[in-house]
Amino acid sequence: MKEKDIILTARIASMVFTPFYLPIVGLLALFLFSYLGLLPWSYKFTVLALVYAFTILLPTLLIHLYRTYQGWSLIELGVKERRMVPYVISILCYFSCYYIMSIFHIPHFMGGILVAALLIQLICAIINVWWKISVHAAAIGGVAGALLAFALIFDFNPIWWLCLTLVISGVVGTSRMVLRQHSLSQITVAWILGVIVAFMAIAIV
């Protein structure tokens, strides 16, 4: 495979496995493996639509508009000093989603997923002041932590889903290094951070 093809593949992987998908994946796991799957489809669709709008669509659109306004490419936006505004945008969107969910008394476990994702964003934003950490790796680590937490709470075997998550983690981490956005240490620390924060936010809090 040519170098150009490898870089293109890495860019596609980074776009497909965006950090914003953690809450949606967590909710789908809940609907598949817990009693919340008994909720009406209309209710589940409404919750998924709300979470999609505030954790994927809105932050992606706003960050794209910000990047376009600044005249930066995706690679240029990845510079440590330029990442704070995207962090603030995504944190505000996630907090707004959690606030709306609390108003409508969405079940605790659903809110816990938003709390986990919000905490990961906050901690990564704080660390980014001194050190460029991978939000992509933290997010996929959060998926692994959420799976382990739900397996503990609802007593199901997560091994195949966890194996899939580990494979995706490898793809995401490799793509970020190929694009020279992060070092191996930044990806490893971020992934472990995501696992711990998501597990504690869902299983313990």
C-alpha atoms as a PDB file:
ATOM      1  CA  MET A   1       0.000   0.000   0.000  1.00  0.00           C
ATOM      2  CA  LYS A   2       1.328   3.428  -0.978  1.00  0.00           C
ATOM      3  CA  GLU A   3       1.998   6.111   1.612  1.00  0.00           C
ATOM      4  CA  LYS A   4      -0.776   8.264   0.144  1.00  0.00           C
ATOM      5  CA  ASP A   5      -3.280   5.408   0.579  1.00  0.00           C
ATOM      6  CA  ILE A   6      -2.170   4.813   4.170  1.00  0.00           C
ATOM      7  CA  ILE A   7      -2.667   8.482   5.045  1.00  0.00           C
ATOM      8  CA  LEU A   8      -6.089   8.515   3.355  1.00  0.00           C
ATOM      9  CA  THR A   9      -7.118   5.399   5.295  1.00  0.00           C
ATOM     10  CA  ALA A  10      -5.936   7.001   8.545  1.00  0.00           C
ATOM     11  CA  ARG A  11      -7.963  10.139   7.831  1.00  0.00           C
ATOM     12  CA  ILE A  12     -11.089   8.108   7.095  1.00  0.00           C
ATOM     13  CA  ALA A  13     -10.631   6.089  10.307  1.00  0.00           C
ATOM     14  CA  SER A  14     -10.251   9.309  12.315  1.00  0.00           C
ATOM     15  CA  MET A  15     -13.431  10.724  10.779  1.00  0.00           C
ATOM     16  CA  VAL A  16     -15.496   7.540  11.150  1.00  0.00           C
ATOM     17  CA  PHE A  17     -14.473   6.903  14.762  1.00  0.00           C
ATOM     18  CA  THR A  18     -14.930  10.482  15.939  1.00  0.00           C
ATOM     19  CA  PRO A  19     -14.776  11.048  19.722  1.00  0.00           C
ATOM     20  CA  PHE A  20     -18.362  12.297  19.673  1.00  0.00           C
ATOM     21  CA  TYR A  21     -19.811   8.798  19.223  1.00  0.00           C
ATOM     22  CA  LEU A  22     -19.230   7.640  22.827  1.00  0.00           C
ATOM     23  CA  PRO A  23     -22.707   8.610  24.170  1.00  0.00           C
ATOM     24  CA  ILE A  24     -24.553   7.041  21.215  1.00  0.00           C
ATOM     25  CA  VAL A  25     -22.589   3.787  21.511  1.00  0.00           C
ATOM     26  CA  GLY A  26     -23.219   3.725  25.264  1.00  0.00           C
ATOM     27  CA  LEU A  27     -26.959   4.193  24.800  1.00  0.00           C
ATOM     28  CA  LEU A  28     -27.114   1.446  22.181  1.00  0.00           C
ATOM     29  CA  ALA A  29     -25.337  -0.875  24.635  1.00  0.00           C
ATOM     30  CA  LEU A  30     -27.945  -0.012  27.264  1.00  0.00           C
ATOM     31  CA  PHE A  31     -30.826  -0.695  24.899  1.00  0.00           C
ATOM     32  CA  LEU A  32     -29.264  -4.024  23.882  1.00  0.00           C
ATOM     33  CA  PHE A  33     -28.153  -5.412  27.252  1.00  0.00           C
ATOM     34  CA  SER A  34     -30.375  -3.908  29.954  1.00  0.00           C
ATOM     35  CA  TYR A  35     -34.016  -3.686  30.946  1.00  0.00           C
ATOM     36  CA  LEU A  36     -34.098  -0.307  29.209  1.00  0.00           C
ATOM     37  CA  GLY A  37     -34.475  -2.280  25.992  1.00  0.00           C
ATOM     38  CA  LEU A  38     -38.112  -2.815  27.043  1.00  0.00           C
ATOM     39  CA  LEU A  39     -38.841   0.890  26.614  1.00  0.00           C
ATOM     40  CA  PRO A  40     -41.052   1.832  23.637  1.00  0.00           C
ATOM     41  CA  TRP A  41     -39.203   2.328  20.350  1.00  0.00           C
ATOM     42  CA  SER A  42     -40.567   5.850  20.084  1.00  0.00           C
ATOM     43  CA  TYR A  43     -39.009   6.757  23.438  1.00  0.00           C
ATOM     44  CA  LYS A  44     -35.650   5.183  22.543  1.00  0.00           C
ATOM     45  CA  PHE A  45     -35.634   6.934  19.181  1.00  0.00           C
ATOM     46  CA  THR A  46     -36.361  10.289  20.837  1.00  0.00           C
ATOM     47  CA  VAL A  47     -33.507   9.846  23.315  1.00  0.00           C
ATOM     48  CA  LEU A  48     -31.094   8.761  20.581  1.00  0.00           C
ATOM     49  CA  ALA A  49     -32.133  11.711  18.400  1.00  0.00           C
ATOM     50  CA  LEU A  50     -31.605  14.151  21.289  1.00  0.00           C
ATOM     51  CA  VAL A  51     -28.179  12.737  22.116  1.00  0.00           C
ATOM     52  CA  TYR A  52     -27.176  12.634  18.443  1.00  0.00           C
ATOM     53  CA  ALA A  53     -28.176  16.279  17.960  1.00  0.00           C
ATOM     54  CA  PHE A  54     -26.207  17.579  20.960  1.00  0.00           C
ATOM     55  CA  THR A  55     -23.183  15.258  21.047  1.00  0.00           C
ATOM     56  CA  ILE A  56     -22.486  14.678  17.347  1.00  0.00           C
ATOM     57  CA  LEU A  57     -24.360  16.968  14.965  1.00  0.00           C
ATOM     58  CA  LEU A  58     -24.157  20.277  16.842  1.00  0.00           C
ATOM     59  CA  PRO A  59     -20.513  20.115  18.044  1.00  0.00           C
ATOM     60  CA  THR A  60     -19.340  18.821  14.643  1.00  0.00           C
ATOM     61  CA  LEU A  61     -21.149  21.648  12.842  1.00  0.00           C
ATOM     62  CA  LEU A  62     -19.965  24.366  15.233  1.00  0.00           C
ATOM     63  CA  ILE A  63     -16.350  23.178  15.198  1.00  0.00           C
ATOM     64  CA  HIS A  64     -16.440  23.001  11.395  1.00  0.00           C
ATOM     65  CA  LEU A  65     -17.755  26.573  11.242  1.00  0.00           C
ATOM     66  CA  TYR A  66     -15.056  27.714  13.674  1.00  0.00           C
ATOM     67  CA  ARG A  67     -12.338  25.968  11.650  1.00  0.00           C
ATOM     68  CA  THR A  68     -13.666  27.436   8.394  1.00  0.00           C
ATOM     69  CA  TYR A  69     -13.793  30.920   9.915  1.00  0.00           C
ATOM     70  CA  GLN A  70     -10.154  30.589  11.009  1.00  0.00           C
ATOM     71  CA  GLY A  71      -9.138  29.179   7.622  1.00  0.00           C
ATOM     72  CA  TRP A  72      -7.528  26.093   9.169  1.00  0.00           C
ATOM     73  CA  SER A  73      -7.373  22.545   7.859  1.00  0.00           C
ATOM     74  CA  LEU A  74      -8.191  19.594  10.132  1.00  0.00           C
ATOM     75  CA  ILE A  75      -4.470  19.017  10.645  1.00  0.00           C
ATOM     76  CA  GLU A  76      -3.893  22.685  11.545  1.00  0.00           C
ATOM     77  CA  LEU A  77      -6.773  22.572  14.027  1.00  0.00           C
ATOM     78  CA  GLY A  78      -4.974  19.704  15.773  1.00  0.00           C
ATOM     79  CA  VAL A  79      -2.243  22.022  17.079  1.00  0.00           C
ATOM     80  CA  LYS A  80      -2.386  22.000  20.885  1.00  0.00           C
ATOM     81  CA  GLU A  81      -2.918  25.758  21.247  1.00  0.00           C
ATOM     82  CA  ARG A  82      -5.866  25.691  18.824  1.00  0.00           C
ATOM     83  CA  ARG A  83      -7.785  22.864  20.473  1.00  0.00           C
ATOM     84  CA  MET A  84      -9.243  24.771  23.428  1.00  0.00           C
ATOM     85  CA  VAL A  85     -12.180  26.375  21.578  1.00  0.00           C
ATOM     86  CA  PRO A  86     -13.309  22.999  20.114  1.00  0.00           C
ATOM     87  CA  TYR A  87     -13.050  21.560  23.632  1.00  0.00           C
ATOM     88  CA  VAL A  88     -15.255  24.353  25.014  1.00  0.00           C
ATOM     89  CA  ILE A  89     -17.784  23.896  22.196  1.00  0.00           C
ATOM     90  CA  SER A  90     -18.112  20.151  22.753  1.00  0.00           C
ATOM     91  CA  ILE A  91     -18.249  20.485  26.559  1.00  0.00           C
ATOM     92  CA  LEU A  92     -21.055  23.063  26.331  1.00  0.00           C
ATOM     93  CA  CYS A  93     -22.986  20.860  23.902  1.00  0.00           C
ATOM     94  CA  TYR A  94     -22.594  17.801  26.139  1.00  0.00           C
ATOM     95  CA  PHE A  95     -23.607  19.755  29.236  1.00  0.00           C
ATOM     96  CA  SER A  96     -26.682  21.118  27.433  1.00  0.00           C
ATOM     97  CA  CYS A  97     -27.677  17.578  26.475  1.00  0.00           C
ATOM     98  CA  TYR A  98     -27.294  16.346  30.053  1.00  0.00           C
ATOM     99  CA  TYR A  99     -29.291  19.317  31.357  1.00  0.00           C
ATOM    100  CA  ILE A 100     -32.161  18.622  28.939  1.00  0.00           C
ATOM    101  CA  MET A 101     -32.106  14.930  29.856  1.00  0.00           C
ATOM    102  CA  SER A 102     -32.302  15.792  33.561  1.00  0.00           C
ATOM    103  CA  ILE A 103     -35.268  18.101  32.942  1.00  0.00           C
ATOM    104  CA  PHE A 104     -37.170  15.253  31.296  1.00  0.00           C
ATOM    105  CA  HIS A 105     -36.083  12.786  34.008  1.00  0.00           C
ATOM    106  CA  ILE A 106     -34.222  10.459  31.668  1.00  0.00           C
ATOM    107  CA  PRO A 107     -33.193   7.230  33.537  1.00  0.00           C
ATOM    108  CA  HIS A 108     -30.010   7.450  35.620  1.00  0.00           C
ATOM    109  CA  PHE A 109     -27.903   5.075  33.519  1.00  0.00           C
ATOM    110  CA  MET A 110     -28.518   7.130  30.379  1.00  0.00           C
ATOM    111  CA  GLY A 111     -27.430  10.281  32.177  1.00  0.00           C
ATOM    112  CA  GLY A 112     -24.393   8.417  33.487  1.00  0.00           C
ATOM    113  CA  ILE A 113     -23.147   7.937  29.936  1.00  0.00           C
ATOM    114  CA  LEU A 114     -23.316  11.695  29.347  1.00  0.00           C
ATOM    115  CA  VAL A 115     -21.521  12.321  32.636  1.00  0.00           C
ATOM    116  CA  ALA A 116     -18.747   9.906  31.610  1.00  0.00           C
ATOM    117  CA  ALA A 117     -18.344  11.565  28.205  1.00  0.00           C
ATOM    118  CA  LEU A 118     -18.448  15.043  29.753  1.00  0.00           C
ATOM    119  CA  LEU A 119     -15.818  14.153  32.371  1.00  0.00           C
ATOM    120  CA  ILE A 120     -13.533  12.719  29.686  1.00  0.00           C
ATOM    121  CA  GLN A 121     -13.865  15.942  27.689  1.00  0.00           C
ATOM    122  CA  LEU A 122     -13.182  18.107  30.759  1.00  0.00           C
ATOM    123  CA  ILE A 123     -10.133  16.142  31.880  1.00  0.00           C
ATOM    124  CA  CYS A 124      -8.696  16.073  28.354  1.00  0.00           C
ATOM    125  CA  ALA A 125      -9.240  19.844  28.056  1.00  0.00           C
ATOM    126  CA  ILE A 126      -7.383  20.456  31.331  1.00  0.00           C
ATOM    127  CA  ILE A 127      -4.506  18.144  30.358  1.00  0.00           C
ATOM    128  CA  ASN A 128      -4.309  19.806  26.930  1.00  0.00           C
ATOM    129  CA  VAL A 129      -3.154  23.033  28.597  1.00  0.00           C
ATOM    130  CA  TRP A 130       0.192  21.331  29.294  1.00  0.00           C
ATOM    131  CA  TRP A 131       0.220  18.244  27.087  1.00  0.00           C
ATOM    132  CA  LYS A 132      -1.538  17.269  23.862  1.00  0.00           C
ATOM    133  CA  ILE A 133      -3.651  14.218  24.675  1.00  0.00           C
ATOM    134  CA  SER A 134      -5.700  12.184  22.180  1.00  0.00           C
ATOM    135  CA  VAL A 135      -9.458  12.693  22.560  1.00  0.00           C
ATOM    136  CA  HIS A 136     -10.031  10.007  19.918  1.00  0.00           C
ATOM    137  CA  ALA A 137      -8.193   7.462  22.084  1.00  0.00           C
ATOM    138  CA  ALA A 138      -9.898   8.682  25.278  1.00  0.00           C
ATOM    139  CA  ALA A 139     -13.321   8.300  23.670  1.00  0.00           C
ATOM    140  CA  ILE A 140     -12.778   4.738  22.424  1.00  0.00           C
ATOM    141  CA  GLY A 141     -11.263   3.932  25.827  1.00  0.00           C
ATOM    142  CA  GLY A 142     -14.468   5.325  27.316  1.00  0.00           C
ATOM    143  CA  VAL A 143     -16.471   2.869  25.211  1.00  0.00           C
ATOM    144  CA  ALA A 144     -14.413   0.009  26.659  1.00  0.00           C
ATOM    145  CA  GLY A 145     -14.895   1.340  30.194  1.00  0.00           C
ATOM    146  CA  ALA A 146     -18.642   1.723  29.658  1.00  0.00           C
ATOM    147  CA  LEU A 147     -18.902  -1.851  28.374  1.00  0.00           C
ATOM    148  CA  LEU A 148     -17.095  -3.172  31.450  1.00  0.00           C
ATOM    149  CA  ALA A 149     -19.329  -1.113  33.738  1.00  0.00           C
ATOM    150  CA  PHE A 150     -22.551  -2.296  32.081  1.00  0.00           C
ATOM    151  CA  ALA A 151     -21.297  -5.903  32.134  1.00  0.00           C
ATOM    152  CA  LEU A 152     -20.805  -5.575  35.890  1.00  0.00           C
ATOM    153  CA  ILE A 153     -24.156  -3.880  36.508  1.00  0.00           C
ATOM    154  CA  PHE A 154     -26.327  -6.017  34.228  1.00  0.00           C
ATOM    155  CA  ASP A 155     -24.326  -9.256  34.470  1.00  0.00           C
ATOM    156  CA  PHE A 156     -23.666 -10.021  30.814  1.00  0.00           C
ATOM    157  CA  ASN A 157     -20.558 -11.308  29.032  1.00  0.00           C
ATOM    158  CA  PRO A 158     -18.984  -8.394  27.095  1.00  0.00           C
ATOM    159  CA  ILE A 159     -16.049 -10.339  25.632  1.00  0.00           C
ATOM    160  CA  TRP A 160     -16.942 -10.126  21.923  1.00  0.00           C
ATOM    161  CA  TRP A 161     -17.972  -6.475  22.110  1.00  0.00           C
ATOM    162  CA  LEU A 162     -14.843  -5.735  24.115  1.00  0.00           C
ATOM    163  CA  CYS A 163     -12.665  -7.488  21.514  1.00  0.00           C
ATOM    164  CA  LEU A 164     -14.286  -5.382  18.784  1.00  0.00           C
ATOM    165  CA  THR A 165     -13.644  -2.240  20.845  1.00  0.00           C
ATOM    166  CA  LEU A 166      -9.984  -3.191  21.301  1.00  0.00           C
ATOM    167  CA  VAL A 167      -9.569  -3.709  17.548  1.00  0.00           C
ATOM    168  CA  ILE A 168     -11.152  -0.314  16.860  1.00  0.00           C
ATOM    169  CA  SER A 169      -8.902   1.195  19.549  1.00  0.00           C
ATOM    170  CA  GLY A 170      -5.886  -0.099  17.664  1.00  0.00           C
ATOM    171  CA  VAL A 171      -7.185   1.299  14.372  1.00  0.00           C
ATOM    172  CA  VAL A 172      -7.907   4.698  15.935  1.00  0.00           C
ATOM    173  CA  GLY A 173      -4.576   4.915  17.746  1.00  0.00           C
ATOM    174  CA  THR A 174      -2.625   3.886  14.663  1.00  0.00           C
ATOM    175  CA  SER A 175      -4.479   6.395  12.482  1.00  0.00           C
ATOM    176  CA  ARG A 176      -3.685   9.250  14.866  1.00  0.00           C
ATOM    177  CA  MET A 177       0.015   8.326  14.828  1.00  0.00           C
ATOM    178  CA  VAL A 178       0.074   7.937  11.038  1.00  0.00           C
ATOM    179  CA  LEU A 179      -1.381  11.447  10.762  1.00  0.00           C
ATOM    180  CA  ARG A 180       1.295  12.618  13.231  1.00  0.00           C
ATOM    181  CA  GLN A 181      -1.332  14.084  15.529  1.00  0.00           C
ATOM    182  CA  HIS A 182      -0.214  12.148  18.607  1.00  0.00           C
ATOM    183  CA  SER A 183       2.598  10.040  19.999  1.00  0.00           C
ATOM    184  CA  LEU A 184       2.156   6.520  21.329  1.00  0.00           C
ATOM    185  CA  SER A 185       2.356   7.782  24.928  1.00  0.00           C
ATOM    186  CA  GLN A 186      -0.368  10.404  24.320  1.00  0.00           C
ATOM    187  CA  ILE A 187      -2.645   7.741  22.849  1.00  0.00           C
ATOM    188  CA  THR A 188      -1.936   5.154  25.549  1.00  0.00           C
ATOM    189  CA  VAL A 189      -2.482   7.560  28.446  1.00  0.00           C
ATOM    190  CA  ALA A 190      -5.667   8.878  26.844  1.00  0.00           C
ATOM    191  CA  TRP A 191      -7.090   5.364  26.311  1.00  0.00           C
ATOM    192  CA  ILE A 192      -6.408   4.309  29.899  1.00  0.00           C
ATOM    193  CA  LEU A 193      -7.908   7.592  31.125  1.00  0.00           C
ATOM    194  CA  GLY A 194     -11.054   6.970  29.070  1.00  0.00           C
ATOM    195  CA  VAL A 195     -11.467   3.440  30.449  1.00  0.00           C
ATOM    196  CA  ILE A 196     -11.080   4.521  34.091  1.00  0.00           C
ATOM    197  CA  VAL A 197     -13.271   7.637  33.897  1.00  0.00           C
ATOM    198  CA  ALA A 198     -16.108   5.932  32.015  1.00  0.00           C
ATOM    199  CA  PHE A 199     -16.065   2.870  34.288  1.00  0.00           C
ATOM    200  CA  MET A 200     -16.132   4.945  37.472  1.00  0.00           C
ATOM    201  CA  ALA A 201     -18.770   7.391  36.183  1.00  0.00           C
ATOM    202  CA  ILE A 202     -21.159   4.568  35.237  1.00  0.00           C
ATOM    203  CA  ALA A 203     -20.424   1.770  37.717  1.00  0.00           C
ATOM    204  CA  ILE A 204     -19.638   3.760  40.835  1.00  0.00           C
ATOM    205  CA  VAL A 205     -21.229   7.222  40.628  1.00  0.00           C
END
